Amino acid sequence: MNVTPKVQNIIQEMETKRLELKYFAQYHGFSHPATVRLSQELDELFNLYHQLNQK
């Protein structure tokens, strides 16, 4: 599979967001508003990644 720079950037953003989410969930809990927001942002990145790979 040929990974475009845009897809590579999204992969990097997903990894960064995942680490942020892990930190917030560990120290603030899963129901903390920041944890929920980060989870939603990660979901959006996953959706974008899958959309770009469908083409």
C-alpha atoms as a PDB file:
ATOM      1  CA  MET A   1       0.000   0.000   0.000  1.00  0.00           C
ATOM      2  CA  ASN A   2       1.346   3.416  -0.985  1.00  0.00           C
ATOM      3  CA  VAL A   3       0.994   5.863   1.913  1.00  0.00           C
ATOM      4  CA  THR A   4       0.535   9.474   0.855  1.00  0.00           C
ATOM      5  CA  PRO A   5       2.014  12.317   2.905  1.00  0.00           C
ATOM      6  CA  LYS A   6      -1.519  13.300   3.973  1.00  0.00           C
ATOM      7  CA  VAL A   7      -2.243   9.799   5.265  1.00  0.00           C
ATOM      8  CA  GLN A   8       1.150   9.662   6.982  1.00  0.00           C
ATOM      9  CA  ASN A   9       0.353  12.956   8.706  1.00  0.00           C
ATOM     10  CA  ILE A  10      -3.001  11.605   9.905  1.00  0.00           C
ATOM     11  CA  ILE A  11      -1.287   8.479  11.248  1.00  0.00           C
ATOM     12  CA  GLN A  12       1.120  10.667  13.220  1.00  0.00           C
ATOM     13  CA  GLU A  13      -1.747  12.807  14.531  1.00  0.00           C
ATOM     14  CA  MET A  14      -3.603   9.649  15.605  1.00  0.00           C
ATOM     15  CA  GLU A  15      -0.581   8.404  17.540  1.00  0.00           C
ATOM     16  CA  THR A  16      -0.120  11.768  19.255  1.00  0.00           C
ATOM     17  CA  LYS A  17      -3.821  11.958  20.113  1.00  0.00           C
ATOM     18  CA  ARG A  18      -3.779   8.373  21.399  1.00  0.00           C
ATOM     19  CA  LEU A  19      -0.936   9.189  23.791  1.00  0.00           C
ATOM     20  CA  GLU A  20      -2.746  12.320  25.001  1.00  0.00           C
ATOM     21  CA  LEU A  21      -5.903  10.281  25.540  1.00  0.00           C
ATOM     22  CA  LYS A  22      -3.993   7.612  27.454  1.00  0.00           C
ATOM     23  CA  TYR A  23      -2.493  10.265  29.749  1.00  0.00           C
ATOM     24  CA  PHE A  24      -5.795  12.023  30.433  1.00  0.00           C
ATOM     25  CA  ALA A  25      -7.683   8.776  31.020  1.00  0.00           C
ATOM     26  CA  GLN A  26      -5.002   7.532  33.392  1.00  0.00           C
ATOM     27  CA  TYR A  27      -4.867  10.680  35.511  1.00  0.00           C
ATOM     28  CA  HIS A  28      -8.353  12.165  35.145  1.00  0.00           C
ATOM     29  CA  GLY A  29     -10.579   9.163  34.423  1.00  0.00           C
ATOM     30  CA  PHE A  30     -12.576   8.125  31.388  1.00  0.00           C
ATOM     31  CA  SER A  31     -15.530  10.414  32.066  1.00  0.00           C
ATOM     32  CA  HIS A  32     -13.514  13.629  32.428  1.00  0.00           C
ATOM     33  CA  PRO A  33     -14.599  16.146  29.746  1.00  0.00           C
ATOM     34  CA  ALA A  34     -11.062  16.443  28.342  1.00  0.00           C
ATOM     35  CA  THR A  35     -10.787  12.654  28.043  1.00  0.00           C
ATOM     36  CA  VAL A  36     -14.121  12.456  26.233  1.00  0.00           C
ATOM     37  CA  ARG A  37     -13.124  15.303  23.896  1.00  0.00           C
ATOM     38  CA  LEU A  38      -9.795  13.644  23.063  1.00  0.00           C
ATOM     39  CA  SER A  39     -11.573  10.360  22.399  1.00  0.00           C
ATOM     40  CA  GLN A  40     -13.967  12.089  20.002  1.00  0.00           C
ATOM     41  CA  GLU A  41     -11.074  13.809  18.231  1.00  0.00           C
ATOM     42  CA  LEU A  42      -9.303  10.461  17.860  1.00  0.00           C
ATOM     43  CA  ASP A  43     -12.511   8.955  16.440  1.00  0.00           C
ATOM     44  CA  GLU A  44     -12.641  11.751  13.861  1.00  0.00           C
ATOM     45  CA  LEU A  45      -9.044  11.066  12.839  1.00  0.00           C
ATOM     46  CA  PHE A  46      -9.786   7.330  12.490  1.00  0.00           C
ATOM     47  CA  ASN A  47     -12.816   8.123  10.332  1.00  0.00           C
ATOM     48  CA  LEU A  48     -10.762  10.435   8.128  1.00  0.00           C
ATOM     49  CA  TYR A  49      -8.018   7.820   7.827  1.00  0.00           C
ATOM     50  CA  HIS A  50     -10.527   5.174   6.744  1.00  0.00           C
ATOM     51  CA  GLN A  51     -12.187   7.536   4.252  1.00  0.00           C
ATOM     52  CA  LEU A  52      -8.849   8.289   2.616  1.00  0.00           C
ATOM     53  CA  ASN A  53      -7.968   4.594   2.413  1.00  0.00           C
ATOM     54  CA  GLN A  54     -11.287   3.735   0.739  1.00  0.00           C
ATOM     55  CA  LYS A  55     -10.347   5.699  -2.374  1.00  0.00           C
END
